[in-house]
Amino acid sequence: MRLINLFKSESDKKIGLALGGGAALGAAHIGVLKALEENKIQLSAVSGTSIGAFVAAMFAFGKNVKQITEIVKELDWLDISELSLSRFGLLSNKKLGKMLDDVLGEVNFSDASLPLAFIATDVASGKKVTLKDGDVAQAVMASTCVPGIFIPTEIDGKLLVDGGLVENVPVSVLQELGAEMVIGVDLNARRQYQKPEDIIDLLMNSMDIAIDNATRIQTSKADLIIEPVLSAYSRTQTDHIDELIEKGYKAAQNTLKELSKK
């Protein structure tokens, strides 16, 4: 991580924000956005992986912190998924895509108010796929598609699943979007794993453990990393949204406060 000072001479550079994956923990991203806004840090581009893609889409299409909070509070597994008969997964997340269309309209990346990109994984090749063109809702579906749980989303002939497998905090794409400095938000950096309570927890623990080391290497390329402490919270429960937002807010405020002293 390269240390920068957003409050001094470098602050006129274009700043990009990378929002990492973490399922329900993604509510902490809202708190980070609130802290950045209060500190008058203007963002020029935003990227997201998994739940980070969902929040990034809301932000890039002009939703403010209050509006994003209201939308996230209404989310539940039952709201974004439905049973589906497929050999590739137990559930479909098409309801998530429809919900995004209802909230944002049927929008493309080119309609966003600032440059926007998501990360997904091509499950046939294992390669990273950057999504920055075409239908936004479909791209969010791809980036949030937990393998083994949700049916892969097909885009341009590729079967795409959760981008966390290849880049959980998508810092690399922000330079392509014109950012000169990158802030990353890693929801799992300080996570202490808990005993899983169900198959979803089990699969997500397994995924997180597999990608943690890669994420640390990838985020070393960011200029600043915000790391909320979220071990006490489940990634599948949505009944602690306010607490998660506050954790994200405090982590961002503390990081920025330390930075301002440099």
C-alpha atoms as a PDB file:
ATOM      1  CA  MET A   1       0.000   0.000   0.000  1.00  0.00           C
ATOM      2  CA  ARG A   2       1.338   3.401  -1.000  1.00  0.00           C
ATOM      3  CA  LEU A   3       0.533   6.038   1.619  1.00  0.00           C
ATOM      4  CA  ILE A   4      -1.120   9.153   0.247  1.00  0.00           C
ATOM      5  CA  ASN A   5      -2.570  12.283   1.769  1.00  0.00           C
ATOM      6  CA  LEU A   6      -5.934  13.147   0.311  1.00  0.00           C
ATOM      7  CA  PHE A   7      -5.987  16.409   2.217  1.00  0.00           C
ATOM      8  CA  LYS A   8      -2.802  17.927   0.772  1.00  0.00           C
ATOM      9  CA  SER A   9      -1.204  18.608  -2.598  1.00  0.00           C
ATOM     10  CA  GLU A  10      -2.143  15.254  -4.122  1.00  0.00           C
ATOM     11  CA  SER A  11      -5.853  15.712  -3.487  1.00  0.00           C
ATOM     12  CA  ASP A  12      -6.496  17.260  -6.925  1.00  0.00           C
ATOM     13  CA  LYS A  13      -5.770  13.923  -8.581  1.00  0.00           C
ATOM     14  CA  LYS A  14      -8.582  11.669  -9.774  1.00  0.00           C
ATOM     15  CA  ILE A  15      -9.527   9.213  -7.026  1.00  0.00           C
ATOM     16  CA  GLY A  16     -11.063   5.792  -7.592  1.00  0.00           C
ATOM     17  CA  LEU A  17     -12.850   3.646  -5.006  1.00  0.00           C
ATOM     18  CA  ALA A  18     -12.747  -0.179  -5.077  1.00  0.00           C
ATOM     19  CA  LEU A  19     -15.500  -1.872  -3.047  1.00  0.00           C
ATOM     20  CA  GLY A  20     -14.738  -5.471  -2.094  1.00  0.00           C
ATOM     21  CA  GLY A  21     -16.938  -8.532  -1.717  1.00  0.00           C
ATOM     22  CA  GLY A  22     -18.347  -9.886   1.527  1.00  0.00           C
ATOM     23  CA  ALA A  23     -22.083 -10.599   1.084  1.00  0.00           C
ATOM     24  CA  ALA A  24     -24.165  -8.938   3.836  1.00  0.00           C
ATOM     25  CA  LEU A  25     -21.029  -7.302   5.238  1.00  0.00           C
ATOM     26  CA  GLY A  26     -21.244  -5.007   2.223  1.00  0.00           C
ATOM     27  CA  ALA A  27     -23.451  -2.661   4.224  1.00  0.00           C
ATOM     28  CA  ALA A  28     -20.175  -1.353   5.667  1.00  0.00           C
ATOM     29  CA  HIS A  29     -19.471   0.155   2.241  1.00  0.00           C
ATOM     30  CA  ILE A  30     -22.280   2.620   2.863  1.00  0.00           C
ATOM     31  CA  GLY A  31     -20.522   3.901   5.959  1.00  0.00           C
ATOM     32  CA  VAL A  32     -17.314   4.341   3.975  1.00  0.00           C
ATOM     33  CA  LEU A  33     -19.173   6.375   1.354  1.00  0.00           C
ATOM     34  CA  LYS A  34     -20.646   8.533   4.110  1.00  0.00           C
ATOM     35  CA  ALA A  35     -17.199   9.224   5.598  1.00  0.00           C
ATOM     36  CA  LEU A  36     -15.701  10.092   2.210  1.00  0.00           C
ATOM     37  CA  GLU A  37     -18.573  12.471   1.532  1.00  0.00           C
ATOM     38  CA  GLU A  38     -18.192  14.188   4.918  1.00  0.00           C
ATOM     39  CA  ASN A  39     -14.471  14.637   4.274  1.00  0.00           C
ATOM     40  CA  LYS A  40     -15.253  16.144   0.858  1.00  0.00           C
ATOM     41  CA  ILE A  41     -13.292  13.483  -1.019  1.00  0.00           C
ATOM     42  CA  GLN A  42     -14.536  13.588  -4.584  1.00  0.00           C
ATOM     43  CA  LEU A  43     -14.549  10.262  -6.409  1.00  0.00           C
ATOM     44  CA  SER A  44     -13.845  10.064 -10.131  1.00  0.00           C
ATOM     45  CA  ALA A  45     -14.434   6.319 -10.655  1.00  0.00           C
ATOM     46  CA  VAL A  46     -15.794   3.363  -8.734  1.00  0.00           C
ATOM     47  CA  SER A  47     -15.436  -0.405  -9.066  1.00  0.00           C
ATOM     48  CA  GLY A  48     -16.939  -3.337  -7.201  1.00  0.00           C
ATOM     49  CA  THR A  49     -16.807  -7.071  -6.743  1.00  0.00           C
ATOM     50  CA  SER A  50     -19.823  -9.089  -5.562  1.00  0.00           C
ATOM     51  CA  ILE A  51     -21.781  -7.001  -3.003  1.00  0.00           C
ATOM     52  CA  GLY A  52     -19.300  -4.234  -3.766  1.00  0.00           C
ATOM     53  CA  ALA A  53     -20.595  -4.241  -7.345  1.00  0.00           C
ATOM     54  CA  PHE A  54     -24.138  -3.804  -6.068  1.00  0.00           C
ATOM     55  CA  VAL A  55     -23.236  -0.798  -3.896  1.00  0.00           C
ATOM     56  CA  ALA A  56     -20.967   0.668  -6.588  1.00  0.00           C
ATOM     57  CA  ALA A  57     -23.812   0.518  -9.105  1.00  0.00           C
ATOM     58  CA  MET A  58     -26.120   2.402  -6.757  1.00  0.00           C
ATOM     59  CA  PHE A  59     -23.512   5.078  -6.119  1.00  0.00           C
ATOM     60  CA  ALA A  60     -22.495   5.493  -9.772  1.00  0.00           C
ATOM     61  CA  PHE A  61     -26.120   6.048 -10.731  1.00  0.00           C
ATOM     62  CA  GLY A  62     -26.595   8.876  -8.267  1.00  0.00           C
ATOM     63  CA  LYS A  63     -28.099   7.177  -5.232  1.00  0.00           C
ATOM     64  CA  ASN A  64     -27.038   8.933  -2.025  1.00  0.00           C
ATOM     65  CA  VAL A  65     -26.098   7.298   1.265  1.00  0.00           C
ATOM     66  CA  LYS A  66     -29.625   7.514   2.661  1.00  0.00           C
ATOM     67  CA  GLN A  67     -31.161   5.985  -0.449  1.00  0.00           C
ATOM     68  CA  ILE A  68     -28.609   3.158  -0.636  1.00  0.00           C
ATOM     69  CA  THR A  69     -29.210   2.426   3.064  1.00  0.00           C
ATOM     70  CA  GLU A  70     -32.952   2.115   2.505  1.00  0.00           C
ATOM     71  CA  ILE A  71     -32.435  -0.202  -0.458  1.00  0.00           C
ATOM     72  CA  VAL A  72     -29.947  -2.443   1.369  1.00  0.00           C
ATOM     73  CA  LYS A  73     -32.205  -2.691   4.428  1.00  0.00           C
ATOM     74  CA  GLU A  74     -34.897  -4.191   2.252  1.00  0.00           C
ATOM     75  CA  LEU A  75     -32.623  -6.919   0.888  1.00  0.00           C
ATOM     76  CA  ASP A  76     -32.917 -10.517   2.012  1.00  0.00           C
ATOM     77  CA  TRP A  77     -31.926 -13.847   0.515  1.00  0.00           C
ATOM     78  CA  LEU A  78     -35.606 -14.348  -0.348  1.00  0.00           C
ATOM     79  CA  ASP A  79     -35.672 -10.987  -2.111  1.00  0.00           C
ATOM     80  CA  ILE A  80     -32.713 -11.638  -4.397  1.00  0.00           C
ATOM     81  CA  SER A  81     -32.971 -15.357  -5.101  1.00  0.00           C
ATOM     82  CA  GLU A  82     -35.365 -18.111  -6.044  1.00  0.00           C
ATOM     83  CA  LEU A  83     -35.157 -21.859  -6.365  1.00  0.00           C
ATOM     84  CA  SER A  84     -34.169 -23.055  -9.812  1.00  0.00           C
ATOM     85  CA  LEU A  85     -33.825 -26.451 -11.414  1.00  0.00           C
ATOM     86  CA  SER A  86     -30.294 -26.383 -12.801  1.00  0.00           C
ATOM     87  CA  ARG A  87     -27.248 -28.647 -12.666  1.00  0.00           C
ATOM     88  CA  PHE A  88     -25.105 -25.526 -12.096  1.00  0.00           C
ATOM     89  CA  GLY A  89     -26.699 -24.194  -8.919  1.00  0.00           C
ATOM     90  CA  LEU A  90     -29.508 -24.329  -6.407  1.00  0.00           C
ATOM     91  CA  LEU A  91     -30.743 -20.772  -6.833  1.00  0.00           C
ATOM     92  CA  SER A  92     -31.143 -18.079  -9.443  1.00  0.00           C
ATOM     93  CA  ASN A  93     -30.321 -14.438  -8.672  1.00  0.00           C
ATOM     94  CA  LYS A  94     -32.432 -13.060 -11.515  1.00  0.00           C
ATOM     95  CA  LYS A  95     -34.615 -11.401  -8.879  1.00  0.00           C
ATOM     96  CA  LEU A  96     -31.593  -9.305  -7.917  1.00  0.00           C
ATOM     97  CA  GLY A  97     -31.254  -8.146 -11.494  1.00  0.00           C
ATOM     98  CA  LYS A  98     -34.942  -7.293 -11.688  1.00  0.00           C
ATOM     99  CA  MET A  99     -34.728  -5.348  -8.433  1.00  0.00           C
ATOM    100  CA  LEU A 100     -31.829  -3.308  -9.837  1.00  0.00           C
ATOM    101  CA  ASP A 101     -33.808  -2.604 -12.988  1.00  0.00           C
ATOM    102  CA  ASP A 102     -36.716  -1.423 -10.843  1.00  0.00           C
ATOM    103  CA  VAL A 103     -34.476   0.884  -8.785  1.00  0.00           C
ATOM    104  CA  LEU A 104     -32.132   2.225 -11.474  1.00  0.00           C
ATOM    105  CA  GLY A 105     -34.076   1.609 -14.653  1.00  0.00           C
ATOM    106  CA  GLU A 106     -32.788  -0.720 -17.358  1.00  0.00           C
ATOM    107  CA  VAL A 107     -29.434   1.047 -17.585  1.00  0.00           C
ATOM    108  CA  ASN A 108     -26.092   0.422 -19.292  1.00  0.00           C
ATOM    109  CA  PHE A 109     -22.632   1.302 -17.959  1.00  0.00           C
ATOM    110  CA  SER A 110     -22.497   4.234 -20.360  1.00  0.00           C
ATOM    111  CA  ASP A 111     -25.451   5.800 -18.527  1.00  0.00           C
ATOM    112  CA  ALA A 112     -23.588   6.047 -15.194  1.00  0.00           C
ATOM    113  CA  SER A 113     -22.653   9.435 -13.757  1.00  0.00           C
ATOM    114  CA  LEU A 114     -19.016   8.350 -13.317  1.00  0.00           C
ATOM    115  CA  PRO A 115     -16.855   5.532 -14.724  1.00  0.00           C
ATOM    116  CA  LEU A 116     -17.904   2.166 -13.322  1.00  0.00           C
ATOM    117  CA  ALA A 117     -16.646  -1.428 -13.573  1.00  0.00           C
ATOM    118  CA  PHE A 118     -17.218  -4.805 -11.922  1.00  0.00           C
ATOM    119  CA  ILE A 119     -15.166  -7.990 -11.682  1.00  0.00           C
ATOM    120  CA  ALA A 120     -16.479 -11.487 -12.416  1.00  0.00           C
ATOM    121  CA  THR A 121     -14.832 -14.877 -12.965  1.00  0.00           C
ATOM    122  CA  ASP A 122     -15.104 -16.974 -16.120  1.00  0.00           C
ATOM    123  CA  VAL A 123     -15.823 -20.333 -14.511  1.00  0.00           C
ATOM    124  CA  ALA A 124     -14.804 -22.228 -17.663  1.00  0.00           C
ATOM    125  CA  SER A 125     -11.315 -20.707 -17.884  1.00  0.00           C
ATOM    126  CA  GLY A 126     -10.661 -19.331 -14.392  1.00  0.00           C
ATOM    127  CA  LYS A 127      -9.827 -15.933 -15.892  1.00  0.00           C
ATOM    128  CA  LYS A 128     -10.788 -12.531 -14.550  1.00  0.00           C
ATOM    129  CA  VAL A 129     -13.472 -10.731 -16.538  1.00  0.00           C
ATOM    130  CA  THR A 130     -13.849  -6.965 -16.270  1.00  0.00           C
ATOM    131  CA  LEU A 131     -17.407  -5.805 -16.857  1.00  0.00           C
ATOM    132  CA  LYS A 132     -17.696  -2.166 -17.908  1.00  0.00           C
ATOM    133  CA  ASP A 133     -20.020  -2.260 -20.906  1.00  0.00           C
ATOM    134  CA  GLY A 134     -23.583  -3.355 -21.510  1.00  0.00           C
ATOM    135  CA  ASP A 135     -26.384  -4.084 -19.072  1.00  0.00           C
ATOM    136  CA  VAL A 136     -25.567  -3.104 -15.478  1.00  0.00           C
ATOM    137  CA  ALA A 137     -28.075  -5.385 -13.751  1.00  0.00           C
ATOM    138  CA  GLN A 138     -26.808  -8.434 -15.626  1.00  0.00           C
ATOM    139  CA  ALA A 139     -23.213  -7.534 -14.731  1.00  0.00           C
ATOM    140  CA  VAL A 140     -24.087  -7.216 -11.029  1.00  0.00           C
ATOM    141  CA  MET A 141     -25.775 -10.622 -11.215  1.00  0.00           C
ATOM    142  CA  ALA A 142     -22.561 -12.106 -12.626  1.00  0.00           C
ATOM    143  CA  SER A 143     -20.272 -10.503 -10.049  1.00  0.00           C
ATOM    144  CA  THR A 144     -22.478 -11.623  -7.120  1.00  0.00           C
ATOM    145  CA  CYS A 145     -23.021 -15.189  -8.339  1.00  0.00           C
ATOM    146  CA  VAL A 146     -21.633 -17.392  -5.533  1.00  0.00           C
ATOM    147  CA  PRO A 147     -20.563 -20.628  -7.280  1.00  0.00           C
ATOM    148  CA  GLY A 148     -22.437 -23.714  -6.190  1.00  0.00           C
ATOM    149  CA  ILE A 149     -25.251 -21.570  -4.829  1.00  0.00           C
ATOM    150  CA  PHE A 150     -26.333 -19.378  -7.741  1.00  0.00           C
ATOM    151  CA  ILE A 151     -26.540 -20.379 -11.377  1.00  0.00           C
ATOM    152  CA  PRO A 152     -23.762 -18.685 -13.406  1.00  0.00           C
ATOM    153  CA  THR A 153     -24.732 -15.652 -15.474  1.00  0.00           C
ATOM    154  CA  GLU A 154     -23.975 -15.929 -19.178  1.00  0.00           C
ATOM    155  CA  ILE A 155     -22.536 -12.819 -20.847  1.00  0.00           C
ATOM    156  CA  ASP A 156     -20.996 -12.871 -24.339  1.00  0.00           C
ATOM    157  CA  GLY A 157     -20.923 -16.654 -24.281  1.00  0.00           C
ATOM    158  CA  LYS A 158     -19.036 -16.833 -20.979  1.00  0.00           C
ATOM    159  CA  LEU A 159     -20.373 -18.448 -17.810  1.00  0.00           C
ATOM    160  CA  LEU A 160     -19.586 -15.917 -15.080  1.00  0.00           C
ATOM    161  CA  VAL A 161     -19.536 -16.282 -11.302  1.00  0.00           C
ATOM    162  CA  ASP A 162     -18.450 -14.245  -8.276  1.00  0.00           C
ATOM    163  CA  GLY A 163     -15.484 -11.993  -9.004  1.00  0.00           C
ATOM    164  CA  GLY A 164     -14.074 -12.569  -5.531  1.00  0.00           C
ATOM    165  CA  LEU A 165     -12.404 -15.720  -6.834  1.00  0.00           C
ATOM    166  CA  VAL A 166      -9.993 -13.630  -8.899  1.00  0.00           C
ATOM    167  CA  GLU A 167     -10.001 -10.089  -7.434  1.00  0.00           C
ATOM    168  CA  ASN A 168     -12.071  -9.495  -4.337  1.00  0.00           C
ATOM    169  CA  VAL A 169     -11.072  -5.828  -3.980  1.00  0.00           C
ATOM    170  CA  PRO A 170     -10.966  -4.615  -7.599  1.00  0.00           C
ATOM    171  CA  VAL A 171      -8.170  -2.054  -7.512  1.00  0.00           C
ATOM    172  CA  SER A 172      -6.576  -2.966 -10.865  1.00  0.00           C
ATOM    173  CA  VAL A 173      -9.432  -1.824 -13.072  1.00  0.00           C
ATOM    174  CA  LEU A 174      -9.605   1.683 -11.610  1.00  0.00           C
ATOM    175  CA  GLN A 175      -6.503   2.855 -13.457  1.00  0.00           C
ATOM    176  CA  GLU A 176      -8.202   1.765 -16.672  1.00  0.00           C
ATOM    177  CA  LEU A 177     -11.091   4.035 -15.671  1.00  0.00           C
ATOM    178  CA  GLY A 178      -8.778   7.020 -15.316  1.00  0.00           C
ATOM    179  CA  ALA A 179      -8.111   7.008 -11.571  1.00  0.00           C
ATOM    180  CA  GLU A 180      -4.717   8.330 -10.498  1.00  0.00           C
ATOM    181  CA  MET A 181      -5.149   7.220  -6.875  1.00  0.00           C
ATOM    182  CA  VAL A 182      -7.002   4.198  -5.537  1.00  0.00           C
ATOM    183  CA  ILE A 183      -8.819   3.653  -2.240  1.00  0.00           C
ATOM    184  CA  GLY A 184      -9.772   0.052  -1.555  1.00  0.00           C
ATOM    185  CA  VAL A 185     -12.287  -1.287   0.979  1.00  0.00           C
ATOM    186  CA  ASP A 186     -11.473  -4.809   2.181  1.00  0.00           C
ATOM    187  CA  LEU A 187     -14.311  -6.283   4.238  1.00  0.00           C
ATOM    188  CA  ASN A 188     -12.385  -9.470   5.037  1.00  0.00           C
ATOM    189  CA  ALA A 189      -8.924  -8.126   5.882  1.00  0.00           C
ATOM    190  CA  ARG A 190      -9.353  -8.370   9.645  1.00  0.00           C
ATOM    191  CA  ARG A 191     -11.830 -11.228   9.666  1.00  0.00           C
ATOM    192  CA  GLN A 192     -11.547 -14.025  12.204  1.00  0.00           C
ATOM    193  CA  TYR A 193     -13.415 -16.988  10.805  1.00  0.00           C
ATOM    194  CA  GLN A 194     -16.358 -18.424  12.716  1.00  0.00           C
ATOM    195  CA  LYS A 195     -17.726 -21.951  12.792  1.00  0.00           C
ATOM    196  CA  PRO A 196     -20.183 -22.146   9.862  1.00  0.00           C
ATOM    197  CA  GLU A 197     -23.862 -22.447  10.700  1.00  0.00           C
ATOM    198  CA  ASP A 198     -25.104 -23.705   7.323  1.00  0.00           C
ATOM    199  CA  ILE A 199     -23.972 -24.696   3.840  1.00  0.00           C
ATOM    200  CA  ILE A 200     -23.832 -21.077   2.662  1.00  0.00           C
ATOM    201  CA  ASP A 201     -21.541 -20.113   5.548  1.00  0.00           C
ATOM    202  CA  LEU A 202     -19.413 -23.185   4.812  1.00  0.00           C
ATOM    203  CA  LEU A 203     -19.001 -22.357   1.140  1.00  0.00           C
ATOM    204  CA  MET A 204     -18.336 -18.679   1.797  1.00  0.00           C
ATOM    205  CA  ASN A 205     -15.750 -19.463   4.490  1.00  0.00           C
ATOM    206  CA  SER A 206     -14.033 -21.769   2.026  1.00  0.00           C
ATOM    207  CA  MET A 207     -14.053 -19.114  -0.695  1.00  0.00           C
ATOM    208  CA  ASP A 208     -12.770 -16.402   1.628  1.00  0.00           C
ATOM    209  CA  ILE A 209      -9.923 -18.521   2.955  1.00  0.00           C
ATOM    210  CA  ALA A 210      -8.892 -19.373  -0.601  1.00  0.00           C
ATOM    211  CA  ILE A 211      -8.783 -15.759  -1.777  1.00  0.00           C
ATOM    212  CA  ASP A 212      -7.405 -13.942   1.310  1.00  0.00           C
ATOM    213  CA  ASN A 213      -3.731 -14.281   0.409  1.00  0.00           C
ATOM    214  CA  ALA A 214      -4.350 -13.197  -3.183  1.00  0.00           C
ATOM    215  CA  THR A 215      -6.327 -10.189  -1.972  1.00  0.00           C
ATOM    216  CA  ARG A 216      -3.474  -8.991   0.237  1.00  0.00           C
ATOM    217  CA  ILE A 217      -1.139  -9.044  -2.758  1.00  0.00           C
ATOM    218  CA  GLN A 218      -3.644  -7.280  -4.986  1.00  0.00           C
ATOM    219  CA  THR A 219      -4.512  -4.546  -2.492  1.00  0.00           C
ATOM    220  CA  SER A 220      -0.818  -3.759  -2.017  1.00  0.00           C
ATOM    221  CA  LYS A 221      -1.191  -1.862  -5.296  1.00  0.00           C
ATOM    222  CA  ALA A 222      -3.760   0.505  -3.798  1.00  0.00           C
ATOM    223  CA  ASP A 223      -2.796   3.869  -2.341  1.00  0.00           C
ATOM    224  CA  LEU A 224      -5.040   3.484   0.710  1.00  0.00           C
ATOM    225  CA  ILE A 225      -6.929   0.538   2.198  1.00  0.00           C
ATOM    226  CA  ILE A 226      -9.871   0.842   4.590  1.00  0.00           C
ATOM    227  CA  GLU A 227     -10.360  -2.310   6.694  1.00  0.00           C
ATOM    228  CA  PRO A 228     -13.483  -2.433   8.884  1.00  0.00           C
ATOM    229  CA  VAL A 229     -13.404  -5.012  11.693  1.00  0.00           C
ATOM    230  CA  LEU A 230     -16.441  -7.181  10.946  1.00  0.00           C
ATOM    231  CA  SER A 231     -15.683 -10.605  12.443  1.00  0.00           C
ATOM    232  CA  ALA A 232     -18.639 -10.411  14.802  1.00  0.00           C
ATOM    233  CA  TYR A 233     -21.102 -10.315  11.910  1.00  0.00           C
ATOM    234  CA  SER A 234     -22.462 -13.005   9.628  1.00  0.00           C
ATOM    235  CA  ARG A 235     -22.172 -12.616   5.879  1.00  0.00           C
ATOM    236  CA  THR A 236     -25.620 -14.130   5.394  1.00  0.00           C
ATOM    237  CA  GLN A 237     -27.680 -12.278   8.010  1.00  0.00           C
ATOM    238  CA  THR A 238     -29.174  -8.893   7.150  1.00  0.00           C
ATOM    239  CA  ASP A 239     -30.414  -7.834  10.592  1.00  0.00           C
ATOM    240  CA  HIS A 240     -27.337  -5.769  11.574  1.00  0.00           C
ATOM    241  CA  ILE A 241     -27.285  -3.277   8.727  1.00  0.00           C
ATOM    242  CA  ASP A 242     -27.062  -0.157  10.904  1.00  0.00           C
ATOM    243  CA  GLU A 243     -24.169  -1.609  12.920  1.00  0.00           C
ATOM    244  CA  LEU A 244     -22.279  -2.593   9.771  1.00  0.00           C
ATOM    245  CA  ILE A 245     -22.741   0.867   8.290  1.00  0.00           C
ATOM    246  CA  GLU A 246     -21.391   2.375  11.492  1.00  0.00           C
ATOM    247  CA  LYS A 247     -18.390   0.020  11.446  1.00  0.00           C
ATOM    248  CA  GLY A 248     -17.575   1.049   7.900  1.00  0.00           C
ATOM    249  CA  TYR A 249     -18.017   4.711   8.761  1.00  0.00           C
ATOM    250  CA  LYS A 250     -15.731   4.550  11.810  1.00  0.00           C
ATOM    251  CA  ALA A 251     -13.062   2.570   9.965  1.00  0.00           C
ATOM    252  CA  ALA A 252     -13.000   5.118   7.166  1.00  0.00           C
ATOM    253  CA  GLN A 253     -13.018   8.090   9.544  1.00  0.00           C
ATOM    254  CA  ASN A 254     -10.187   6.647  11.610  1.00  0.00           C
ATOM    255  CA  THR A 255      -8.110   5.885   8.524  1.00  0.00           C
ATOM    256  CA  LEU A 256      -8.652   9.358   7.106  1.00  0.00           C
ATOM    257  CA  LYS A 257      -7.932  10.967  10.489  1.00  0.00           C
ATOM    258  CA  GLU A 258      -4.584   9.196  10.686  1.00  0.00           C
ATOM    259  CA  LEU A 259      -3.859  10.171   7.115  1.00  0.00           C
ATOM    260  CA  SER A 260      -4.542  13.842   7.803  1.00  0.00           C
ATOM    261  CA  LYS A 261      -1.769  13.845  10.438  1.00  0.00           C
ATOM    262  CA  LYS A 262       0.893  12.748   7.967  1.00  0.00           C
END
